[in-house]
């Protein structure tokens, strides 16, 4: 989530606001950042054009009027060697998206517990209290 200044946030109150359609205190970040947002908007426009549907906020129209499904044959990607080619490609970089999260998850699995920052833990407890979930 992002707070109203666009800074990543972990405050459960922002989440509850978003769920009740109040985005005055924050919003969800687009999946994949700006590249992901651009791709999603492009696909929405293509789907609207190909189906005669719409994109964005179309007054008086519910979401889901048109949809496009794209499917690719694994043969197109040379699936037999794809995993090794991807590994070889990723070895060229010092890091890749998700690598840090993967390392944190792996360490947590080895320890058998999750280490939450105090701020995140308190936010989870507040969210639980609002949902009548008792912390023990």
C-alpha atoms as a PDB file:
ATOM      1  CA  UNK A   1       0.000   0.000   0.000  1.00  0.00           C
ATOM      2  CA  UNK A   2       0.974   3.619  -0.396  1.00  0.00           C
ATOM      3  CA  UNK A   3       0.047   6.447   1.963  1.00  0.00           C
ATOM      4  CA  UNK A   4      -1.442   9.675   0.619  1.00  0.00           C
ATOM      5  CA  UNK A   5       2.066  11.012  -0.138  1.00  0.00           C
ATOM      6  CA  UNK A   6       2.809   7.905  -2.243  1.00  0.00           C
ATOM      7  CA  UNK A   7       5.211   6.419   0.311  1.00  0.00           C
ATOM      8  CA  UNK A   8       4.990   2.649   0.996  1.00  0.00           C
ATOM      9  CA  UNK A   9       2.961   2.074   4.164  1.00  0.00           C
ATOM     10  CA  UNK A  10       1.957  -0.808   6.424  1.00  0.00           C
ATOM     11  CA  UNK A  11      -0.862   0.915   8.282  1.00  0.00           C
ATOM     12  CA  UNK A  12      -3.961  -1.278   8.460  1.00  0.00           C
ATOM     13  CA  UNK A  13      -6.156   1.842   8.674  1.00  0.00           C
ATOM     14  CA  UNK A  14      -5.213   2.651   5.074  1.00  0.00           C
ATOM     15  CA  UNK A  15      -6.301  -0.851   4.039  1.00  0.00           C
ATOM     16  CA  UNK A  16      -9.644  -0.529   5.825  1.00  0.00           C
ATOM     17  CA  UNK A  17     -10.168   2.833   4.127  1.00  0.00           C
ATOM     18  CA  UNK A  18      -9.451   1.387   0.693  1.00  0.00           C
ATOM     19  CA  UNK A  19     -11.819  -1.528   1.342  1.00  0.00           C
ATOM     20  CA  UNK A  20     -14.579   0.932   2.249  1.00  0.00           C
ATOM     21  CA  UNK A  21     -13.841   2.909  -0.959  1.00  0.00           C
ATOM     22  CA  UNK A  22     -12.108   5.768   0.898  1.00  0.00           C
ATOM     23  CA  UNK A  23      -8.782   6.402  -0.827  1.00  0.00           C
ATOM     24  CA  UNK A  24      -8.103   9.736   0.860  1.00  0.00           C
ATOM     25  CA  UNK A  25      -5.365   8.247   3.082  1.00  0.00           C
ATOM     26  CA  UNK A  26      -3.707   5.925   0.587  1.00  0.00           C
ATOM     27  CA  UNK A  27      -4.006   3.400  -2.202  1.00  0.00           C
ATOM     28  CA  UNK A  28      -2.666   0.124  -3.507  1.00  0.00           C
ATOM     29  CA  UNK A  29       0.518   0.339  -5.518  1.00  0.00           C
ATOM     30  CA  UNK A  30       0.197  -0.994  -9.056  1.00  0.00           C
ATOM     31  CA  UNK A  31       1.498  -4.543  -9.417  1.00  0.00           C
ATOM     32  CA  UNK A  32       4.873  -4.270 -11.116  1.00  0.00           C
ATOM     33  CA  UNK A  33       5.197  -0.555 -10.349  1.00  0.00           C
ATOM     34  CA  UNK A  34       4.880   1.898 -13.225  1.00  0.00           C
ATOM     35  CA  UNK A  35       5.785  -0.746 -15.812  1.00  0.00           C
ATOM     36  CA  UNK A  36       3.026  -3.004 -14.485  1.00  0.00           C
ATOM     37  CA  UNK A  37       0.552  -0.121 -14.466  1.00  0.00           C
ATOM     38  CA  UNK A  38       1.420   0.742 -18.074  1.00  0.00           C
ATOM     39  CA  UNK A  39       1.058  -2.880 -19.164  1.00  0.00           C
ATOM     40  CA  UNK A  40      -2.282  -3.234 -17.377  1.00  0.00           C
ATOM     41  CA  UNK A  41      -3.648  -0.040 -18.913  1.00  0.00           C
ATOM     42  CA  UNK A  42      -2.458  -1.098 -22.363  1.00  0.00           C
ATOM     43  CA  UNK A  43      -4.106  -4.501 -22.039  1.00  0.00           C
ATOM     44  CA  UNK A  44      -7.317  -2.882 -20.804  1.00  0.00           C
ATOM     45  CA  UNK A  45      -7.385  -0.618 -23.862  1.00  0.00           C
ATOM     46  CA  UNK A  46      -6.652  -3.521 -26.243  1.00  0.00           C
ATOM     47  CA  UNK A  47      -9.383  -5.640 -24.623  1.00  0.00           C
ATOM     48  CA  UNK A  48     -11.842  -2.744 -24.929  1.00  0.00           C
ATOM     49  CA  UNK A  49     -10.971  -2.186 -28.586  1.00  0.00           C
ATOM     50  CA  UNK A  50     -11.130  -5.887 -29.533  1.00  0.00           C
ATOM     51  CA  UNK A  51     -14.406  -6.603 -27.727  1.00  0.00           C
ATOM     52  CA  UNK A  52     -16.215  -3.313 -28.282  1.00  0.00           C
ATOM     53  CA  UNK A  53     -16.162  -2.930 -24.508  1.00  0.00           C
ATOM     54  CA  UNK A  54     -14.752  -0.050 -22.548  1.00  0.00           C
ATOM     55  CA  UNK A  55     -11.874   0.833 -20.291  1.00  0.00           C
ATOM     56  CA  UNK A  56     -11.548   3.040 -17.232  1.00  0.00           C
ATOM     57  CA  UNK A  57     -14.568   4.460 -15.475  1.00  0.00           C
ATOM     58  CA  UNK A  58     -17.414   4.130 -17.955  1.00  0.00           C
ATOM     59  CA  UNK A  59     -20.412   5.918 -16.369  1.00  0.00           C
ATOM     60  CA  UNK A  60     -23.346   3.608 -15.809  1.00  0.00           C
ATOM     61  CA  UNK A  61     -21.502   0.481 -16.943  1.00  0.00           C
ATOM     62  CA  UNK A  62     -20.431  -2.378 -14.689  1.00  0.00           C
ATOM     63  CA  UNK A  63     -16.930  -3.795 -14.935  1.00  0.00           C
ATOM     64  CA  UNK A  64     -16.456  -6.896 -17.014  1.00  0.00           C
ATOM     65  CA  UNK A  65     -18.240  -5.961 -20.224  1.00  0.00           C
ATOM     66  CA  UNK A  66     -15.412  -7.236 -22.417  1.00  0.00           C
ATOM     67  CA  UNK A  67     -12.472  -9.547 -21.838  1.00  0.00           C
ATOM     68  CA  UNK A  68      -9.600 -10.919 -23.880  1.00  0.00           C
ATOM     69  CA  UNK A  69      -7.797 -14.138 -23.068  1.00  0.00           C
ATOM     70  CA  UNK A  70      -4.354 -14.795 -24.493  1.00  0.00           C
ATOM     71  CA  UNK A  71      -2.913 -18.298 -24.393  1.00  0.00           C
ATOM     72  CA  UNK A  72       0.471 -19.389 -25.652  1.00  0.00           C
ATOM     73  CA  UNK A  73       1.659 -22.851 -26.542  1.00  0.00           C
ATOM     74  CA  UNK A  74       4.628 -23.942 -24.411  1.00  0.00           C
ATOM     75  CA  UNK A  75       6.294 -24.964 -27.699  1.00  0.00           C
ATOM     76  CA  UNK A  76       6.467 -21.277 -28.616  1.00  0.00           C
ATOM     77  CA  UNK A  77       8.899 -20.730 -25.739  1.00  0.00           C
ATOM     78  CA  UNK A  78      10.940 -23.878 -26.205  1.00  0.00           C
ATOM     79  CA  UNK A  79       9.626 -25.151 -22.860  1.00  0.00           C
ATOM     80  CA  UNK A  80      12.052 -28.058 -22.662  1.00  0.00           C
ATOM     81  CA  UNK A  81      15.044 -25.790 -21.980  1.00  0.00           C
ATOM     82  CA  UNK A  82      13.236 -22.706 -20.731  1.00  0.00           C
ATOM     83  CA  UNK A  83      13.989 -23.190 -17.031  1.00  0.00           C
ATOM     84  CA  UNK A  84      17.729 -23.570 -17.596  1.00  0.00           C
ATOM     85  CA  UNK A  85      17.800 -20.597 -19.995  1.00  0.00           C
ATOM     86  CA  UNK A  86      15.998 -18.463 -17.401  1.00  0.00           C
ATOM     87  CA  UNK A  87      18.456 -19.537 -14.679  1.00  0.00           C
ATOM     88  CA  UNK A  88      21.406 -18.784 -16.946  1.00  0.00           C
ATOM     89  CA  UNK A  89      19.967 -15.349 -17.730  1.00  0.00           C
ATOM     90  CA  UNK A  90      19.320 -14.518 -14.052  1.00  0.00           C
ATOM     91  CA  UNK A  91      22.866 -15.540 -13.042  1.00  0.00           C
ATOM     92  CA  UNK A  92      24.125 -12.516 -14.990  1.00  0.00           C
ATOM     93  CA  UNK A  93      22.570 -10.136 -12.456  1.00  0.00           C
ATOM     94  CA  UNK A  94      23.475  -9.383  -8.856  1.00  0.00           C
ATOM     95  CA  UNK A  95      19.783  -9.479  -8.045  1.00  0.00           C
ATOM     96  CA  UNK A  96      16.352  -9.748  -9.560  1.00  0.00           C
ATOM     97  CA  UNK A  97      12.809  -8.751  -8.537  1.00  0.00           C
ATOM     98  CA  UNK A  98      11.682 -10.922  -5.645  1.00  0.00           C
ATOM     99  CA  UNK A  99      15.174 -12.168  -4.741  1.00  0.00           C
ATOM    100  CA  UNK A 100      15.254 -10.279  -1.431  1.00  0.00           C
ATOM    101  CA  UNK A 101      11.765 -11.520  -0.499  1.00  0.00           C
ATOM    102  CA  UNK A 102      12.751 -15.065  -1.427  1.00  0.00           C
ATOM    103  CA  UNK A 103      15.827 -14.852   0.840  1.00  0.00           C
ATOM    104  CA  UNK A 104      13.726 -13.527   3.739  1.00  0.00           C
ATOM    105  CA  UNK A 105      11.157 -16.314   3.244  1.00  0.00           C
ATOM    106  CA  UNK A 106      13.888 -18.965   3.088  1.00  0.00           C
ATOM    107  CA  UNK A 107      15.496 -17.669   6.313  1.00  0.00           C
ATOM    108  CA  UNK A 108      12.104 -17.602   8.062  1.00  0.00           C
ATOM    109  CA  UNK A 109      11.390 -21.176   6.983  1.00  0.00           C
ATOM    110  CA  UNK A 110      14.789 -22.274   8.332  1.00  0.00           C
ATOM    111  CA  UNK A 111      14.170 -20.479  11.655  1.00  0.00           C
ATOM    112  CA  UNK A 112      10.587 -21.677  11.848  1.00  0.00           C
ATOM    113  CA  UNK A 113       9.274 -18.197  12.619  1.00  0.00           C
ATOM    114  CA  UNK A 114       8.637 -14.819  11.018  1.00  0.00           C
ATOM    115  CA  UNK A 115      10.383 -11.692  12.272  1.00  0.00           C
ATOM    116  CA  UNK A 116       8.006  -8.740  11.979  1.00  0.00           C
ATOM    117  CA  UNK A 117       9.082  -5.141  12.541  1.00  0.00           C
ATOM    118  CA  UNK A 118       7.366  -3.745  15.648  1.00  0.00           C
ATOM    119  CA  UNK A 119       5.425  -1.220  13.516  1.00  0.00           C
ATOM    120  CA  UNK A 120       4.026  -3.994  11.304  1.00  0.00           C
ATOM    121  CA  UNK A 121       3.177  -6.164  14.297  1.00  0.00           C
ATOM    122  CA  UNK A 122       1.288  -3.327  15.991  1.00  0.00           C
ATOM    123  CA  UNK A 123      -0.574  -2.631  12.737  1.00  0.00           C
ATOM    124  CA  UNK A 124      -1.614  -6.303  12.535  1.00  0.00           C
ATOM    125  CA  UNK A 125      -2.838  -6.213  16.140  1.00  0.00           C
ATOM    126  CA  UNK A 126      -4.913  -3.067  15.390  1.00  0.00           C
ATOM    127  CA  UNK A 127      -6.371  -4.734  12.291  1.00  0.00           C
ATOM    128  CA  UNK A 128      -7.234  -7.803  14.337  1.00  0.00           C
ATOM    129  CA  UNK A 129      -8.897  -5.701  17.026  1.00  0.00           C
ATOM    130  CA  UNK A 130     -11.073  -3.974  14.400  1.00  0.00           C
ATOM    131  CA  UNK A 131     -12.104  -7.404  13.127  1.00  0.00           C
ATOM    132  CA  UNK A 132     -12.701  -8.682  16.674  1.00  0.00           C
ATOM    133  CA  UNK A 133      -9.751 -11.060  16.465  1.00  0.00           C
ATOM    134  CA  UNK A 134      -8.051 -11.310  19.812  1.00  0.00           C
ATOM    135  CA  UNK A 135      -4.250 -11.265  20.025  1.00  0.00           C
ATOM    136  CA  UNK A 136      -2.705 -13.862  22.347  1.00  0.00           C
END
